[in-house]
PDB file of N, CA and C in Angstrom:
ATOM      1  N   ARG A   1     155.228  46.730 124.475  1.00  0.00           N
ATOM      2  CA  ARG A   1     154.773  46.778 123.949  1.00  0.00           C
ATOM      3  C   ARG A   1     153.469  48.146 124.291  1.00  0.00           C
ATOM      4  N   LEU A   2     153.355  49.383 124.298  1.00  0.00           N
ATOM      5  CA  LEU A   2     152.113  49.657 125.582  1.00  0.00           C
ATOM      6  C   LEU A   2     150.804  49.995 124.273  1.00  0.00           C
ATOM      7  N   THR A   3     149.725  49.701 125.915  1.00  0.00           N
ATOM      8  CA  THR A   3     148.316  49.152 125.289  1.00  0.00           C
ATOM      9  C   THR A   3     147.750  50.539 125.184  1.00  0.00           C
ATOM     10  N   SER A   4     147.856  51.375 126.287  1.00  0.00           N
ATOM     11  CA  SER A   4     146.981  52.269 126.928  1.00  0.00           C
ATOM     12  C   SER A   4     147.568  53.852 126.355  1.00  0.00           C
ATOM     13  N   ILE A   5     146.544  54.151 126.125  1.00  0.00           N
ATOM     14  CA  ILE A   5     146.408  56.137 126.062  1.00  0.00           C
ATOM     15  C   ILE A   5     147.240  56.796 126.465  1.00  0.00           C
ATOM     16  N   ILE A   6     148.279  57.462 127.029  1.00  0.00           N
ATOM     17  CA  ILE A   6     148.886  58.162 127.072  1.00  0.00           C
ATOM     18  C   ILE A   6     148.305  59.437 127.403  1.00  0.00           C
ATOM     19  N   TYR A   7     147.946  60.259 127.514  1.00  0.00           N
ATOM     20  CA  TYR A   7     147.866  61.705 127.963  1.00  0.00           C
ATOM     21  C   TYR A   7     148.320  62.853 128.335  1.00  0.00           C
ATOM     22  N   PHE A   8     149.260  63.774 127.134  1.00  0.00           N
ATOM     23  CA  PHE A   8     150.665  64.834 128.038  1.00  0.00           C
ATOM     24  C   PHE A   8     149.386  66.116 128.036  1.00  0.00           C
ATOM     25  N   ARG A   9     149.719  66.998 128.560  1.00  0.00           N
ATOM     26  CA  ARG A   9     149.249  67.991 128.827  1.00  0.00           C
ATOM     27  C   ARG A   9     149.540  69.354 128.306  1.00  0.00           C
ATOM     28  N   PRO A  10     149.162  69.663 127.808  1.00  0.00           N
ATOM     29  CA  PRO A  10     150.264  71.443 126.747  1.00  0.00           C
ATOM     30  C   PRO A  10     150.808  71.799 127.664  1.00  0.00           C
ATOM     31  N   LEU A  11     152.473  72.314 127.225  1.00  0.00           N
ATOM     32  CA  LEU A  11     153.184  73.302 127.958  1.00  0.00           C
ATOM     33  C   LEU A  11     152.946  74.372 128.268  1.00  0.00           C
ATOM     34  N   THR A  12     153.062  74.814 129.256  1.00  0.00           N
ATOM     35  CA  THR A  12     152.688  76.557 129.838  1.00  0.00           C
ATOM     36  C   THR A  12     153.784  77.408 129.352  1.00  0.00           C
ATOM     37  N   LYS A  13     153.468  78.683 129.422  1.00  0.00           N
ATOM     38  CA  LYS A  13     154.486  79.527 129.168  1.00  0.00           C
ATOM     39  C   LYS A  13     155.574  79.293 129.965  1.00  0.00           C
ATOM     40  N   GLN A  14     155.507  79.758 131.086  1.00  0.00           N
ATOM     41  CA  GLN A  14     155.651  78.921 132.726  1.00  0.00           C
ATOM     42  C   GLN A  14     156.992  78.384 132.414  1.00  0.00           C
ATOM     43  N   LEU A  15     156.271  76.767 132.010  1.00  0.00           N
ATOM     44  CA  LEU A  15     157.308  75.463 131.881  1.00  0.00           C
ATOM     45  C   LEU A  15     158.417  75.711 130.721  1.00  0.00           C
ATOM     46  N   VAL A  16     157.884  76.532 129.744  1.00  0.00           N
ATOM     47  CA  VAL A  16     158.700  76.439 128.320  1.00  0.00           C
ATOM     48  C   VAL A  16     159.659  77.970 129.254  1.00  0.00           C
ATOM     49  N   LYS A  17     159.744  78.276 129.614  1.00  0.00           N
ATOM     50  CA  LYS A  17     160.481  79.735 129.990  1.00  0.00           C
ATOM     51  C   LYS A  17     162.020  78.644 131.544  1.00  0.00           C
ATOM     52  N   LEU A  18     161.348  77.258 132.220  1.00  0.00           N
ATOM     53  CA  LEU A  18     162.232  76.706 132.545  1.00  0.00           C
ATOM     54  C   LEU A  18     163.239  76.249 131.671  1.00  0.00           C
ATOM     55  N   ILE A  19     162.432  75.801 130.389  1.00  0.00           N
ATOM     56  CA  ILE A  19     163.185  74.831 129.808  1.00  0.00           C
ATOM     57  C   ILE A  19     164.269  75.986 128.499  1.00  0.00           C
ATOM     58  N   VAL A  20     163.632  77.283 128.609  1.00  0.00           N
ATOM     59  CA  VAL A  20     164.852  77.889 127.961  1.00  0.00           C
ATOM     60  C   VAL A  20     166.047  77.711 129.282  1.00  0.00           C
ATOM     61  N   HIS A  21     165.845  78.450 130.326  1.00  0.00           N
ATOM     62  CA  HIS A  21     166.628  78.459 131.262  1.00  0.00           C
ATOM     63  C   HIS A  21     167.959  76.926 131.559  1.00  0.00           C
ATOM     64  N   LYS A  22     167.028  75.797 131.392  1.00  0.00           N
ATOM     65  CA  LYS A  22     167.843  74.234 131.313  1.00  0.00           C
ATOM     66  C   LYS A  22     168.429  74.188 130.605  1.00  0.00           C
ATOM     67  N   PHE A  23     168.447  74.780 129.164  1.00  0.00           N
ATOM     68  CA  PHE A  23     169.212  74.601 127.880  1.00  0.00           C
ATOM     69  C   PHE A  23     170.150  75.662 127.672  1.00  0.00           C
ATOM     70  N   LEU A  24     170.208  76.978 128.635  1.00  0.00           N
ATOM     71  CA  LEU A  24     170.714  78.351 128.723  1.00  0.00           C
ATOM     72  C   LEU A  24     171.970  77.438 129.468  1.00  0.00           C
ATOM     73  N   ARG A  25     171.489  77.427 130.889  1.00  0.00           N
ATOM     74  CA  ARG A  25     172.594  76.420 131.641  1.00  0.00           C
ATOM     75  C   ARG A  25     173.737  75.470 130.535  1.00  0.00           C
ATOM     76  N   GLU A  26     173.328  74.237 130.275  1.00  0.00           N
ATOM     77  CA  GLU A  26     173.605  73.623 129.172  1.00  0.00           C
ATOM     78  C   GLU A  26     175.557  74.296 128.460  1.00  0.00           C
ATOM     79  N   ILE A  27     173.806  75.425 127.835  1.00  0.00           N
ATOM     80  CA  ILE A  27     174.795  75.986 126.424  1.00  0.00           C
ATOM     81  C   ILE A  27     176.405  76.726 127.475  1.00  0.00           C
ATOM     82  N   ASN A  28     176.051  77.710 128.553  1.00  0.00           N
ATOM     83  CA  ASN A  28     177.011  77.992 129.955  1.00  0.00           C
ATOM     84  C   ASN A  28     178.024  76.938 129.584  1.00  0.00           C
ATOM     85  N   GLU A  29     177.826  75.899 130.417  1.00  0.00           N
ATOM     86  CA  GLU A  29     178.796  75.049 130.722  1.00  0.00           C
ATOM     87  C   GLU A  29     179.403  74.130 129.767  1.00  0.00           C
ATOM     88  N   ASN A  30     178.571  74.425 128.459  1.00  0.00           N
ATOM     89  CA  ASN A  30     179.726  73.622 127.318  1.00  0.00           C
ATOM     90  C   ASN A  30     180.792  74.998 126.986  1.00  0.00           C
ATOM     91  N   LEU A  31     180.217  76.685 127.564  1.00  0.00           N
ATOM     92  CA  LEU A  31     181.147  77.619 127.200  1.00  0.00           C
ATOM     93  C   LEU A  31     182.310  77.550 128.203  1.00  0.00           C
ATOM     94  N   LYS A  32     182.266  76.821 129.095  1.00  0.00           N
ATOM     95  CA  LYS A  32     182.781  77.105 130.108  1.00  0.00           C
ATOM     96  C   LYS A  32     184.379  77.249 130.051  1.00  0.00           C
ATOM     97  N   GLU A  33     184.940  76.104 129.340  1.00  0.00           N
ATOM     98  CA  GLU A  33     186.129  76.541 129.207  1.00  0.00           C
ATOM     99  C   GLU A  33     186.975  77.583 128.302  1.00  0.00           C
ATOM    100  N   LYS A  34     186.041  78.143 127.671  1.00  0.00           N
ATOM    101  CA  LYS A  34     186.445  79.780 126.215  1.00  0.00           C
ATOM    102  C   LYS A  34     185.995  81.086 127.368  1.00  0.00           C
ATOM    103  N   ASN A  35     185.666  80.333 128.627  1.00  0.00           N
ATOM    104  CA  ASN A  35     185.449  80.910 129.647  1.00  0.00           C
ATOM    105  C   ASN A  35     184.365  82.427 129.176  1.00  0.00           C
ATOM    106  N   VAL A  36     183.359  81.520 128.800  1.00  0.00           N
ATOM    107  CA  VAL A  36     182.335  82.643 128.176  1.00  0.00           C
ATOM    108  C   VAL A  36     181.412  82.324 128.856  1.00  0.00           C
ATOM    109  N   LYS A  37     180.518  83.845 129.179  1.00  0.00           N
ATOM    110  CA  LYS A  37     178.776  83.082 130.248  1.00  0.00           C
ATOM    111  C   LYS A  37     178.180  84.203 129.375  1.00  0.00           C
ATOM    112  N   VAL A  38     176.743  83.107 128.582  1.00  0.00           N
ATOM    113  CA  VAL A  38     175.603  84.321 128.259  1.00  0.00           C
ATOM    114  C   VAL A  38     175.098  84.256 129.373  1.00  0.00           C
ATOM    115  N   GLU A  39     174.065  85.510 128.903  1.00  0.00           N
ATOM    116  CA  GLU A  39     172.896  85.870 129.977  1.00  0.00           C
ATOM    117  C   GLU A  39     171.664  86.630 129.080  1.00  0.00           C
ATOM    118  N   LEU A  40     170.839  85.873 129.506  1.00  0.00           N
ATOM    119  CA  LEU A  40     169.541  86.598 128.869  1.00  0.00           C
ATOM    120  C   LEU A  40     168.843  86.946 129.841  1.00  0.00           C
ATOM    121  N   THR A  41     168.128  88.361 129.441  1.00  0.00           N
ATOM    122  CA  THR A  41     167.307  89.410 130.083  1.00  0.00           C
ATOM    123  C   THR A  41     165.871  88.500 130.138  1.00  0.00           C
ATOM    124  N   ASN A  42     164.915  89.189 130.864  1.00  0.00           N
ATOM    125  CA  ASN A  42     164.023  88.272 130.879  1.00  0.00           C
ATOM    126  C   ASN A  42     162.738  88.149 129.506  1.00  0.00           C
ATOM    127  N   LYS A  43     163.143  89.387 128.449  1.00  0.00           N
ATOM    128  CA  LYS A  43     163.026  89.963 127.327  1.00  0.00           C
ATOM    129  C   LYS A  43     162.967  88.357 126.977  1.00  0.00           C
ATOM    130  N   ALA A  44     164.444  88.182 126.464  1.00  0.00           N
ATOM    131  CA  ALA A  44     165.373  87.582 125.825  1.00  0.00           C
ATOM    132  C   ALA A  44     164.380  85.756 125.965  1.00  0.00           C
ATOM    133  N   VAL A  45     164.593  85.510 127.483  1.00  0.00           N
ATOM    134  CA  VAL A  45     163.350  84.156 127.652  1.00  0.00           C
ATOM    135  C   VAL A  45     162.538  84.642 127.252  1.00  0.00           C
ATOM    136  N   ASP A  46     161.804  85.518 127.347  1.00  0.00           N
ATOM    137  CA  ASP A  46     160.284  85.690 126.361  1.00  0.00           C
ATOM    138  C   ASP A  46     160.287  85.401 125.279  1.00  0.00           C
ATOM    139  N   TRP A  47     161.237  86.052 124.582  1.00  0.00           N
ATOM    140  CA  TRP A  47     161.801  85.774 123.300  1.00  0.00           C
ATOM    141  C   TRP A  47     161.615  84.446 122.548  1.00  0.00           C
ATOM    142  N   PHE A  48     163.069  83.650 123.587  1.00  0.00           N
ATOM    143  CA  PHE A  48     163.340  82.680 122.983  1.00  0.00           C
ATOM    144  C   PHE A  48     162.249  81.082 123.720  1.00  0.00           C
ATOM    145  N   ALA A  49     160.923  81.928 124.373  1.00  0.00           N
ATOM    146  CA  ALA A  49     160.054  80.823 124.556  1.00  0.00           C
ATOM    147  C   ALA A  49     158.966  80.819 123.626  1.00  0.00           C
ATOM    148  N   THR A  50     158.646  81.711 123.155  1.00  0.00           N
ATOM    149  CA  THR A  50     157.607  82.602 121.734  1.00  0.00           C
ATOM    150  C   THR A  50     158.079  81.590 120.603  1.00  0.00           C
ATOM    151  N   GLU A  51     159.106  82.187 120.460  1.00  0.00           N
ATOM    152  CA  GLU A  51     159.845  81.295 119.233  1.00  0.00           C
ATOM    153  C   GLU A  51     160.089  80.185 118.778  1.00  0.00           C
ATOM    154  N   GLY A  52     160.461  80.010 120.152  1.00  0.00           N
ATOM    155  CA  GLY A  52     160.691  78.642 119.918  1.00  0.00           C
ATOM    156  C   GLY A  52     160.185  77.086 120.217  1.00  0.00           C
ATOM    157  N   PHE A  53     159.037  77.777 120.484  1.00  0.00           N
ATOM    158  CA  PHE A  53     157.591  76.571 120.861  1.00  0.00           C
ATOM    159  C   PHE A  53     156.789  76.699 119.336  1.00  0.00           C
ATOM    160  N   ASP A  54     156.498  75.183 119.643  1.00  0.00           N
ATOM    161  CA  ASP A  54     155.591  74.543 118.896  1.00  0.00           C
ATOM    162  C   ASP A  54     155.158  73.937 119.478  1.00  0.00           C
ATOM    163  N   GLU A  55     153.176  73.745 119.231  1.00  0.00           N
ATOM    164  CA  GLU A  55     152.118  73.346 120.299  1.00  0.00           C
ATOM    165  C   GLU A  55     152.772  71.507 119.480  1.00  0.00           C
ATOM    166  N   LYS A  56     152.810  71.517 118.308  1.00  0.00           N
ATOM    167  CA  LYS A  56     153.041  70.326 118.328  1.00  0.00           C
ATOM    168  C   LYS A  56     154.291  69.300 118.343  1.00  0.00           C
ATOM    169  N   LEU A  57     155.214  70.041 118.235  1.00  0.00           N
ATOM    170  CA  LEU A  57     156.296  70.185 118.842  1.00  0.00           C
ATOM    171  C   LEU A  57     156.651  69.529 120.062  1.00  0.00           C
ATOM    172  N   GLY A  58     156.313  70.686 120.576  1.00  0.00           N
ATOM    173  CA  GLY A  58     156.326  71.299 122.067  1.00  0.00           C
ATOM    174  C   GLY A  58     157.889  71.956 122.177  1.00  0.00           C
ATOM    175  N   ALA A  59     158.828  71.913 122.702  1.00  0.00           N
ATOM    176  CA  ALA A  59     159.698  72.599 123.118  1.00  0.00           C
ATOM    177  C   ALA A  59     161.313  72.486 122.680  1.00  0.00           C
ATOM    178  N   ARG A  60     160.704  70.874 121.639  1.00  0.00           N
ATOM    179  CA  ARG A  60     161.992  70.435 120.545  1.00  0.00           C
ATOM    180  C   ARG A  60     162.935  71.361 119.783  1.00  0.00           C
ATOM    181  N   PRO A  61     161.967  72.430 119.217  1.00  0.00           N
ATOM    182  CA  PRO A  61     162.440  72.809 118.464  1.00  0.00           C
ATOM    183  C   PRO A  61     163.506  74.376 119.308  1.00  0.00           C
ATOM    184  N   LEU A  62     163.094  74.276 120.217  1.00  0.00           N
ATOM    185  CA  LEU A  62     163.432  75.359 121.398  1.00  0.00           C
ATOM    186  C   LEU A  62     165.175  75.120 121.603  1.00  0.00           C
ATOM    187  N   GLU A  63     165.767  73.954 121.324  1.00  0.00           N
ATOM    188  CA  GLU A  63     166.756  73.666 121.779  1.00  0.00           C
ATOM    189  C   GLU A  63     167.910  74.105 120.345  1.00  0.00           C
ATOM    190  N   ARG A  64     167.474  73.227 119.756  1.00  0.00           N
ATOM    191  CA  ARG A  64     167.302  74.387 117.863  1.00  0.00           C
ATOM    192  C   ARG A  64     168.090  75.495 118.476  1.00  0.00           C
ATOM    193  N   LEU A  65     166.822  76.105 118.243  1.00  0.00           N
ATOM    194  CA  LEU A  65     167.040  77.911 117.912  1.00  0.00           C
ATOM    195  C   LEU A  65     167.837  78.578 118.849  1.00  0.00           C
ATOM    196  N   LEU A  66     167.779  78.218 120.499  1.00  0.00           N
ATOM    197  CA  LEU A  66     168.877  78.315 121.638  1.00  0.00           C
ATOM    198  C   LEU A  66     170.511  78.393 121.046  1.00  0.00           C
ATOM    199  N   LYS A  67     170.780  76.963 120.221  1.00  0.00           N
ATOM    200  CA  LYS A  67     172.014  77.284 119.856  1.00  0.00           C
ATOM    201  C   LYS A  67     172.102  77.483 118.990  1.00  0.00           C
ATOM    202  N   GLN A  68     171.554  77.690 117.967  1.00  0.00           N
ATOM    203  CA  GLN A  68     171.540  78.497 116.320  1.00  0.00           C
ATOM    204  C   GLN A  68     171.952  79.842 116.565  1.00  0.00           C
ATOM    205  N   LYS A  69     170.421  80.801 117.575  1.00  0.00           N
ATOM    206  CA  LYS A  69     171.639  81.755 118.165  1.00  0.00           C
ATOM    207  C   LYS A  69     172.135  82.238 118.656  1.00  0.00           C
ATOM    208  N   ILE A  70     172.440  81.452 119.688  1.00  0.00           N
ATOM    209  CA  ILE A  70     173.334  81.646 120.952  1.00  0.00           C
ATOM    210  C   ILE A  70     175.434  81.288 120.041  1.00  0.00           C
ATOM    211  N   ILE A  71     175.195  79.969 119.664  1.00  0.00           N
ATOM    212  CA  ILE A  71     176.185  79.607 119.632  1.00  0.00           C
ATOM    213  C   ILE A  71     176.757  80.307 118.315  1.00  0.00           C
ATOM    214  N   ASP A  72     175.865  80.240 117.032  1.00  0.00           N
ATOM    215  CA  ASP A  72     176.520  80.010 115.679  1.00  0.00           C
ATOM    216  C   ASP A  72     176.870  81.862 116.002  1.00  0.00           C
ATOM    217  N   ASN A  73     176.142  83.032 116.752  1.00  0.00           N
ATOM    218  CA  ASN A  73     176.583  83.569 116.894  1.00  0.00           C
ATOM    219  C   ASN A  73     178.104  84.454 118.038  1.00  0.00           C
ATOM    220  N   ILE A  74     177.757  82.718 118.820  1.00  0.00           N
ATOM    221  CA  ILE A  74     179.810  83.528 119.194  1.00  0.00           C
ATOM    222  C   ILE A  74     180.823  83.431 118.413  1.00  0.00           C
ATOM    223  N   VAL A  75     180.395  81.860 117.962  1.00  0.00           N
ATOM    224  CA  VAL A  75     181.380  81.564 117.060  1.00  0.00           C
ATOM    225  C   VAL A  75     181.707  82.914 116.199  1.00  0.00           C
ATOM    226  N   ASP A  76     180.924  83.347 115.903  1.00  0.00           N
ATOM    227  CA  ASP A  76     181.370  84.786 114.651  1.00  0.00           C
ATOM    228  C   ASP A  76     181.729  85.600 115.612  1.00  0.00           C
ATOM    229  N   ASP A  77     181.472  85.857 116.414  1.00  0.00           N
ATOM    230  CA  ASP A  77     182.301  87.111 117.615  1.00  0.00           C
ATOM    231  C   ASP A  77     183.620  86.792 118.052  1.00  0.00           C
ATOM    232  N   VAL A  78     183.818  85.307 117.834  1.00  0.00           N
ATOM    233  CA  VAL A  78     185.721  85.251 118.084  1.00  0.00           C
ATOM    234  C   VAL A  78     185.952  85.353 117.130  1.00  0.00           C
ATOM    235  N   LEU A  79     185.583  83.952 115.980  1.00  0.00           N
ATOM    236  CA  LEU A  79     186.348  85.104 114.838  1.00  0.00           C
ATOM    237  C   LEU A  79     186.686  86.211 114.211  1.00  0.00           C
ATOM    238  N   PHE A  80     185.366  87.303 114.816  1.00  0.00           N
ATOM    239  CA  PHE A  80     186.121  88.551 113.896  1.00  0.00           C
ATOM    240  C   PHE A  80     186.223  89.573 114.640  1.00  0.00           C
ATOM    241  N   GLY A  81     186.773  89.110 116.154  1.00  0.00           N
ATOM    242  CA  GLY A  81     187.426  89.846 116.751  1.00  0.00           C
ATOM    243  C   GLY A  81     186.412  90.666 118.604  1.00  0.00           C
ATOM    244  N   LYS A  82     185.059  90.315 118.164  1.00  0.00           N
ATOM    245  CA  LYS A  82     184.278  90.967 119.408  1.00  0.00           C
ATOM    246  C   LYS A  82     183.847  90.530 120.628  1.00  0.00           C
ATOM    247  N   LEU A  83     184.564  89.326 120.160  1.00  0.00           N
ATOM    248  CA  LEU A  83     184.488  88.561 121.347  1.00  0.00           C
ATOM    249  C   LEU A  83     185.813  88.185 122.176  1.00  0.00           C
ATOM    250  N   SER A  84     187.057  88.453 122.748  1.00  0.00           N
ATOM    251  CA  SER A  84     188.089  88.063 123.079  1.00  0.00           C
ATOM    252  C   SER A  84     188.199  86.532 123.263  1.00  0.00           C
ATOM    253  N   LYS A  85     189.979  86.415 122.701  1.00  0.00           N
ATOM    254  CA  LYS A  85     189.950  84.960 123.050  1.00  0.00           C
ATOM    255  C   LYS A  85     189.856  84.747 124.230  1.00  0.00           C
ATOM    256  N   HIS A  86     189.717  85.507 125.778  1.00  0.00           N
ATOM    257  CA  HIS A  86     189.636  85.084 126.638  1.00  0.00           C
ATOM    258  C   HIS A  86     188.696  85.004 127.032  1.00  0.00           C
ATOM    259  N   GLY A  87     187.636  85.248 126.658  1.00  0.00           N
ATOM    260  CA  GLY A  87     186.381  85.245 127.033  1.00  0.00           C
ATOM    261  C   GLY A  87     185.676  86.599 127.482  1.00  0.00           C
ATOM    262  N   GLY A  88     184.740  86.132 128.205  1.00  0.00           N
ATOM    263  CA  GLY A  88     183.776  87.884 128.732  1.00  0.00           C
ATOM    264  C   GLY A  88     182.365  86.615 128.740  1.00  0.00           C
ATOM    265  N   PHE A  89     180.962  87.954 128.929  1.00  0.00           N
ATOM    266  CA  PHE A  89     180.081  88.016 128.830  1.00  0.00           C
ATOM    267  C   PHE A  89     179.251  88.934 127.478  1.00  0.00           C
ATOM    268  N   VAL A  90     177.653  87.396 127.266  1.00  0.00           N
ATOM    269  CA  VAL A  90     177.060  87.791 125.908  1.00  0.00           C
ATOM    270  C   VAL A  90     175.822  87.986 126.341  1.00  0.00           C
ATOM    271  N   ASP A  91     175.880  89.393 127.112  1.00  0.00           N
ATOM    272  CA  ASP A  91     174.064  89.422 127.302  1.00  0.00           C
ATOM    273  C   ASP A  91     172.596  89.848 126.679  1.00  0.00           C
ATOM    274  N   ILE A  92     172.030  88.761 126.220  1.00  0.00           N
ATOM    275  CA  ILE A  92     171.563  88.944 125.330  1.00  0.00           C
ATOM    276  C   ILE A  92     170.063  89.847 125.441  1.00  0.00           C
ATOM    277  N   ASN A  93     169.471  90.614 124.533  1.00  0.00           N
ATOM    278  CA  ASN A  93     168.313  91.129 125.301  1.00  0.00           C
ATOM    279  C   ASN A  93     167.835  91.626 123.940  1.00  0.00           C
ATOM    280  N   VAL A  94     166.250  91.872 124.420  1.00  0.00           N
ATOM    281  CA  VAL A  94     165.505  92.217 122.767  1.00  0.00           C
ATOM    282  C   VAL A  94     164.914  93.579 122.909  1.00  0.00           C
ATOM    283  N   LYS A  95     165.374  94.230 121.324  1.00  0.00           N
ATOM    284  CA  LYS A  95     165.085  95.334 121.380  1.00  0.00           C
ATOM    285  C   LYS A  95     163.815  95.744 120.015  1.00  0.00           C
ATOM    286  N   HIS A  96     162.651  96.043 119.988  1.00  0.00           N
ATOM    287  CA  HIS A  96     161.993  95.960 118.557  1.00  0.00           C
ATOM    288  C   HIS A  96     161.909  94.738 118.041  1.00  0.00           C
ATOM    289  N   GLY A  97     161.696  93.266 118.724  1.00  0.00           N
ATOM    290  CA  GLY A  97     161.125  92.401 118.323  1.00  0.00           C
ATOM    291  C   GLY A  97     162.555  91.849 117.974  1.00  0.00           C
ATOM    292  N   LYS A  98     163.439  92.015 118.445  1.00  0.00           N
ATOM    293  CA  LYS A  98     164.926  90.887 117.837  1.00  0.00           C
ATOM    294  C   LYS A  98     165.545  91.181 118.702  1.00  0.00           C
ATOM    295  N   LEU A  99     166.787  90.242 118.630  1.00  0.00           N
ATOM    296  CA  LEU A  99     167.859  89.960 119.553  1.00  0.00           C
ATOM    297  C   LEU A  99     168.823  90.929 118.943  1.00  0.00           C
ATOM    298  N   ASN A 100     168.785  91.477 120.556  1.00  0.00           N
ATOM    299  CA  ASN A 100     170.121  92.419 120.660  1.00  0.00           C
ATOM    300  C   ASN A 100     171.472  91.605 121.672  1.00  0.00           C
ATOM    301  N   TRP A 101     172.537  92.229 120.968  1.00  0.00           N
ATOM    302  CA  TRP A 101     173.798  91.783 121.844  1.00  0.00           C
ATOM    303  C   TRP A 101     174.403  92.584 121.886  1.00  0.00           C
ATOM    304  N   HIS A 102     175.006  92.105 123.665  1.00  0.00           N
ATOM    305  CA  HIS A 102     176.429  93.439 124.251  1.00  0.00           C
ATOM    306  C   HIS A 102     177.253  92.184 124.962  1.00  0.00           C
ATOM    307  N   ILE A 103     178.808  92.298 124.484  1.00  0.00           N
ATOM    308  CA  ILE A 103     179.225  92.000 124.439  1.00  0.00           C
ATOM    309  C   ILE A 103     180.134  92.446 125.832  1.00  0.00           C
ATOM    310  N   ARG A 104     180.617  91.757 127.546  1.00  0.00           N
ATOM    311  CA  ARG A 104     181.449  93.238 127.909  1.00  0.00           C
ATOM    312  C   ARG A 104     182.760  92.041 128.347  1.00  0.00           C
ATOM    313  N   GLU A 105     184.264  92.111 128.325  1.00  0.00           N
ATOM    314  CA  GLU A 105     185.063  92.098 128.793  1.00  0.00           C
ATOM    315  C   GLU A 105     185.056  91.053 129.967  1.00  0.00           C
ATOM    316  N   MET A 106     185.664  89.848 130.430  1.00  0.00           N
ATOM    317  CA  MET A 106     185.959  89.130 131.624  1.00  0.00           C
ATOM    318  C   MET A 106     187.188  90.339 132.256  1.00  0.00           C
ATOM    319  N   LYS A 107     186.730  90.434 133.477  1.00  0.00           N
ATOM    320  CA  LYS A 107     187.623  90.768 134.218  1.00  0.00           C
ATOM    321  C   LYS A 107     188.594  89.658 134.756  1.00  0.00           C
ATOM    322  N   THR A 108     189.831  90.295 134.590  1.00  0.00           N
ATOM    323  CA  THR A 108     191.110  89.201 135.090  1.00  0.00           C
ATOM    324  C   THR A 108     191.237  89.806 136.373  1.00  0.00           C
TER     325      THR A 108
END
């Protein structure tokens, strides 16, 4: 049983961006066997860091948001033929406040 008070400092924007990169590495590791690699521009990292961070919950919603926006869309892209079954690169940027996807084929 803990009897002491533990104080946590709020996460800075820079730390939240590092967490975005950590989750992105995990996503890319999971997609490696499908030959898919996701790359985020600095604007996209900023977007995820802002949209996925909650002062009360910290970075917990961030992982959910990344998986929802990236994994769900990649599944759709494979199913509907936008992303080759042989894999490819998914470049994510932000335009007009919304995520923008660009898919490049994997060079063989």
